Amino acid sequence: MKYKFTEAEAFKFGWNGLDGLAYSSKDDFDFASTAVFNVTKSHGKCKSTLCNRVYYVIEGQGKFIIAGKDIEVSASDVVIVPKNTEYDYVGKMKLFLVHTPAYDASCEVG
C-alpha cells in the first residue's frame, strides 16, 4: 500500500474554470482519494451517489451552494458535502478535497 503522494506523481485534471492535481485514486486506496485545485468559475451542479466530500479552502474565497443553500467560504474553512446531495461552488479559491470512499466517475451525477 502506498502512504505518501507527491505533486510530481499527481494526475492533472480540469475544465473551464477548474485546474487541479489528483494526488490519489481508488487504485491507490479505495477508502479515500485526494486532490488540490484552483477554482476561477463555477464548478457546475453535481452530486455523487457514492462519495462524501470534504473541502478545505487553502486560499481565496467563494461560495458553495449545497442543497439550495448559499454558504460563503474563505481561507481555512472546511465544507462537508454528504453523498447524494446536489451542490456547486464558485469563486476564486484553492481547495483541497478528500473523497470518502475514493472517487469513482461512474457514481457522478450532473
Protein backbone atom coordinates (compact mmCIF):
# COMPACT_ATOMS: atom_id res chain seq x y z
CA MET A 1 0.00 0.00 0.00
CA LYS A 2 1.19 3.49 -0.82
CA TYR A 3 1.27 6.00 2.06
CA LYS A 4 2.77 9.14 0.51
CA PHE A 5 1.59 11.02 -2.58
CA THR A 6 3.62 13.78 -4.24
CA GLU A 7 2.85 16.56 -6.69
CA ALA A 8 5.31 15.05 -9.18
CA GLU A 9 3.22 11.85 -9.28
CA ALA A 10 -0.19 13.57 -9.33
CA PHE A 11 -2.58 13.37 -12.30
CA LYS A 12 -3.56 16.71 -13.89
CA PHE A 13 -7.26 17.35 -14.47
CA GLY A 14 -9.54 20.27 -15.16
CA TRP A 15 -12.06 22.04 -17.32
CA ASN A 16 -13.13 25.63 -17.92
CA GLY A 17 -12.74 27.35 -14.55
CA LEU A 18 -11.03 24.49 -12.69
CA ASP A 19 -7.43 23.28 -12.83
CA GLY A 20 -6.02 20.68 -10.47
CA LEU A 21 -3.99 17.68 -9.45
CA ALA A 22 -5.42 14.36 -8.27
CA TYR A 23 -2.92 13.04 -5.74
CA SER A 24 -4.53 9.64 -5.21
CA SER A 25 -7.30 7.46 -6.60
CA LYS A 26 -9.30 4.35 -5.78
CA ASP A 27 -6.42 2.39 -7.35
CA ASP A 28 -4.17 3.59 -4.52
CA PHE A 29 -6.63 3.29 -1.64
CA ASP A 30 -10.31 2.54 -2.13
CA PHE A 31 -11.47 4.24 1.09
CA ALA A 32 -10.33 7.78 0.18
CA SER A 33 -8.84 9.90 -2.60
CA THR A 34 -7.44 13.42 -2.65
CA ALA A 35 -6.99 16.39 -4.96
CA VAL A 36 -5.83 20.01 -4.90
CA PHE A 37 -7.21 22.50 -7.40
CA ASN A 38 -7.79 26.12 -8.28
CA VAL A 39 -11.29 27.39 -8.98
CA THR A 40 -11.87 30.51 -11.09
CA LYS A 41 -15.50 29.96 -12.16
CA SER A 42 -18.46 27.79 -11.26
CA HIS A 43 -17.81 24.06 -10.90
CA GLY A 44 -21.29 23.17 -12.17
CA LYS A 45 -24.09 21.39 -10.28
CA CYS A 46 -23.30 17.80 -9.41
CA LYS A 47 -23.63 15.11 -6.78
CA SER A 48 -22.05 11.77 -6.02
CA THR A 49 -24.10 8.69 -5.27
CA LEU A 50 -21.03 7.16 -3.58
CA CYS A 51 -18.69 9.76 -2.07
CA ASN A 52 -18.90 12.14 0.83
CA ARG A 53 -16.64 15.13 0.13
CA VAL A 54 -14.57 17.23 2.48
CA TYR A 55 -13.23 20.51 1.10
CA TYR A 56 -10.58 22.63 2.82
CA VAL A 57 -10.23 26.19 1.50
CA ILE A 58 -6.47 26.74 1.25
CA GLU A 59 -6.75 30.28 -0.06
CA GLY A 60 -9.21 32.70 -1.61
CA GLN A 61 -12.93 33.00 -1.15
CA GLY A 62 -16.11 31.89 -2.79
CA LYS A 63 -19.47 30.29 -2.27
CA PHE A 64 -20.74 26.72 -2.06
CA ILE A 65 -24.37 26.11 -2.96
CA ILE A 66 -25.36 22.92 -1.10
CA ALA A 67 -28.92 21.57 -1.31
CA GLY A 68 -30.01 25.05 -2.44
CA LYS A 69 -28.33 26.87 0.48
CA ASP A 70 -25.64 29.54 -0.18
CA ILE A 71 -22.58 29.16 2.05
CA GLU A 72 -19.86 31.80 1.87
CA VAL A 73 -16.32 30.44 2.40
CA SER A 74 -12.81 31.78 2.77
CA ALA A 75 -9.31 30.54 3.61
CA SER A 76 -9.14 27.93 6.41
CA ASP A 77 -12.85 26.98 6.16
CA VAL A 78 -13.91 23.34 5.82
CA VAL A 79 -17.04 22.27 3.93
CA ILE A 80 -18.53 18.77 4.07
CA VAL A 81 -20.87 17.62 1.31
CA PRO A 82 -22.67 14.32 2.04
CA LYS A 83 -23.21 11.82 -0.78
CA ASN A 84 -26.49 12.19 -2.69
CA THR A 85 -26.51 15.97 -2.06
CA GLU A 86 -26.56 18.30 -5.06
CA TYR A 87 -24.03 21.12 -4.85
CA ASP A 88 -21.95 23.64 -6.77
CA TYR A 89 -19.27 26.17 -5.89
CA VAL A 90 -17.98 29.36 -7.42
CA GLY A 91 -15.26 31.87 -6.65
CA LYS A 92 -11.53 32.30 -6.78
CA MET A 93 -10.23 29.64 -4.43
CA LYS A 94 -7.62 26.97 -3.98
CA LEU A 95 -9.22 23.85 -2.49
CA PHE A 96 -8.00 20.58 -1.01
CA LEU A 97 -10.55 17.78 -1.47
CA VAL A 98 -10.96 14.37 0.17
CA HIS A 99 -13.47 11.88 -1.28
CA THR A 100 -14.66 9.11 1.06
CA PRO A 101 -14.76 6.47 -0.24
CA ALA A 102 -12.40 7.13 -3.16
CA TYR A 103 -13.68 8.98 -6.23
CA ASP A 104 -15.44 6.87 -8.84
CA ALA A 105 -16.52 8.71 -12.01
CA SER A 106 -19.33 6.21 -12.62
CA CYS A 107 -21.08 7.47 -9.46
CA GLU A 108 -21.17 11.13 -10.51
CA VAL A 109 -24.44 12.84 -11.47
CA GLY A 110 -24.57 16.22 -13.17
